[in-house]
C-alpha atoms as a PDB file:
ATOM      1  CA  MET A   1     181.326  79.602 -83.322  1.00  0.00           C
ATOM      2  CA  THR A   2     181.015  75.901 -82.703  1.00  0.00           C
ATOM      3  CA  LEU A   3     177.797  74.107 -81.884  1.00  0.00           C
ATOM      4  CA  THR A   4     178.880  73.555 -78.272  1.00  0.00           C
ATOM      5  CA  GLN A   5     179.510  77.278 -77.800  1.00  0.00           C
ATOM      6  CA  LYS A   6     176.089  78.121 -79.268  1.00  0.00           C
ATOM      7  CA  ILE A   7     174.376  75.659 -76.918  1.00  0.00           C
ATOM      8  CA  ILE A   8     176.253  77.081 -73.914  1.00  0.00           C
ATOM      9  CA  LEU A   9     175.366  80.652 -74.946  1.00  0.00           C
ATOM     10  CA  ILE A  10     171.681  79.779 -75.346  1.00  0.00           C
ATOM     11  CA  ALA A  11     171.677  77.966 -71.994  1.00  0.00           C
ATOM     12  CA  LEU A  12     173.254  81.001 -70.288  1.00  0.00           C
ATOM     13  CA  LEU A  13     170.664  83.309 -71.858  1.00  0.00           C
ATOM     14  CA  VAL A  14     167.820  81.060 -70.713  1.00  0.00           C
ATOM     15  CA  VAL A  15     169.220  80.851 -67.170  1.00  0.00           C
ATOM     16  CA  GLY A  16     169.754  84.633 -67.129  1.00  0.00           C
ATOM     17  CA  GLY A  17     166.189  85.235 -68.290  1.00  0.00           C
ATOM     18  CA  LEU A  18     164.818  82.915 -65.636  1.00  0.00           C
ATOM     19  CA  ALA A  19     166.953  84.650 -63.000  1.00  0.00           C
ATOM     20  CA  LEU A  20     165.467  88.012 -64.043  1.00  0.00           C
ATOM     21  CA  ILE A  21     161.924  86.668 -63.848  1.00  0.00           C
ATOM     22  CA  VAL A  22     162.504  85.137 -60.414  1.00  0.00           C
ATOM     23  CA  GLY A  23     164.222  88.315 -59.209  1.00  0.00           C
ATOM     24  CA  PHE A  24     161.387  90.580 -60.314  1.00  0.00           C
ATOM     25  CA  THR A  25     158.808  88.227 -58.830  1.00  0.00           C
ATOM     26  CA  LEU A  26     160.591  88.145 -55.479  1.00  0.00           C
ATOM     27  CA  MET A  27     160.942  91.932 -55.444  1.00  0.00           C
ATOM     28  CA  HIS A  28     157.208  92.220 -56.124  1.00  0.00           C
ATOM     29  CA  TYR A  29     156.219  89.852 -53.323  1.00  0.00           C
ATOM     30  CA  ILE A  30     158.759  91.228 -50.829  1.00  0.00           C
ATOM     31  CA  GLY A  31     157.656  94.780 -51.612  1.00  0.00           C
ATOM     32  CA  GLY A  32     154.021  93.811 -51.079  1.00  0.00           C
ATOM     33  CA  PHE A  33     154.889  92.104 -47.822  1.00  0.00           C
ATOM     34  CA  LEU A  34     156.767  95.157 -46.537  1.00  0.00           C
ATOM     35  CA  ARG A  35     153.874  97.433 -47.523  1.00  0.00           C
ATOM     36  CA  THR A  36     151.437  95.142 -45.672  1.00  0.00           C
ATOM     37  CA  VAL A  37     153.636  95.194 -42.561  1.00  0.00           C
ATOM     38  CA  GLU A  38     153.775  99.004 -42.653  1.00  0.00           C
ATOM     39  CA  GLU A  39     149.984  99.243 -43.029  1.00  0.00           C
ATOM     40  CA  GLU A  40     149.403  96.850 -40.119  1.00  0.00           C
ATOM     41  CA  LYS A  41     151.831  98.804 -37.946  1.00  0.00           C
ATOM     42  CA  ALA A  42     150.011 102.041 -38.761  1.00  0.00           C
ATOM     43  CA  GLN A  43     146.656 100.414 -37.929  1.00  0.00           C
ATOM     44  CA  GLU A  44     148.012  99.142 -34.603  1.00  0.00           C
ATOM     45  CA  GLU A  45     149.225 102.640 -33.734  1.00  0.00           C
ATOM     46  CA  GLU A  46     145.828 104.132 -34.603  1.00  0.00           C
ATOM     47  CA  ALA A  47     143.784 101.497 -32.747  1.00  0.00           C
ATOM     48  CA  PRO A  48     144.615 102.687 -29.200  1.00  0.00           C
ATOM     49  CA  ARG A  49     143.811 106.283 -30.144  1.00  0.00           C
ATOM     50  CA  GLN A  50     140.435 105.304 -31.573  1.00  0.00           C
ATOM     51  CA  SER A  51     139.563 103.080 -28.599  1.00  0.00           C
ATOM     52  CA  GLU A  52     140.501 105.820 -26.086  1.00  0.00           C
ATOM     53  CA  ASP A  53     138.134 108.226 -27.812  1.00  0.00           C
ATOM     54  CA  SER A  54     135.216 105.796 -27.696  1.00  0.00           C
ATOM     55  CA  LEU A  55     135.609 104.646 -24.049  1.00  0.00           C
ATOM     56  CA  PRO A  56     133.627 106.248 -21.234  1.00  0.00           C
ATOM     57  CA  PRO A  57     135.607 107.972 -18.453  1.00  0.00           C
ATOM     58  CA  LYS A  58     137.333 105.534 -16.130  1.00  0.00           C
ATOM     59  CA  SER A  59     136.171 105.168 -12.547  1.00  0.00           C
ATOM     60  CA  ASP A  60     137.938 103.407  -9.700  1.00  0.00           C
ATOM     61  CA  GLY A  61     134.814 101.422  -8.764  1.00  0.00           C
ATOM     62  CA  LYS A  62     134.390 103.175  -5.417  1.00  0.00           C
ATOM     63  CA  THR A  63     131.233 105.115  -4.622  1.00  0.00           C
ATOM     64  CA  ASN A  64     131.384 108.495  -2.979  1.00  0.00           C
ATOM     65  CA  THR A  65     129.644 108.331   0.445  1.00  0.00           C
ATOM     66  CA  ASN A  66     130.774 111.756   1.659  1.00  0.00           C
ATOM     67  CA  THR A  67     127.600 113.670   0.875  1.00  0.00           C
END
């Protein structure tokens, strides 16, 4: 194997290693982002249920004068 071939092989290995590192890092961050989006969606779905339970009964603002 000539010196040029060795240099090219080493360069390809370095680039491949960097590609793996970048790929794993992106998968980690994208996975965390998707998990955060799912959690926020679940919280938004729960928020109306919790607020309905804590609100007093609704009234139309009119007083009953038929006594």
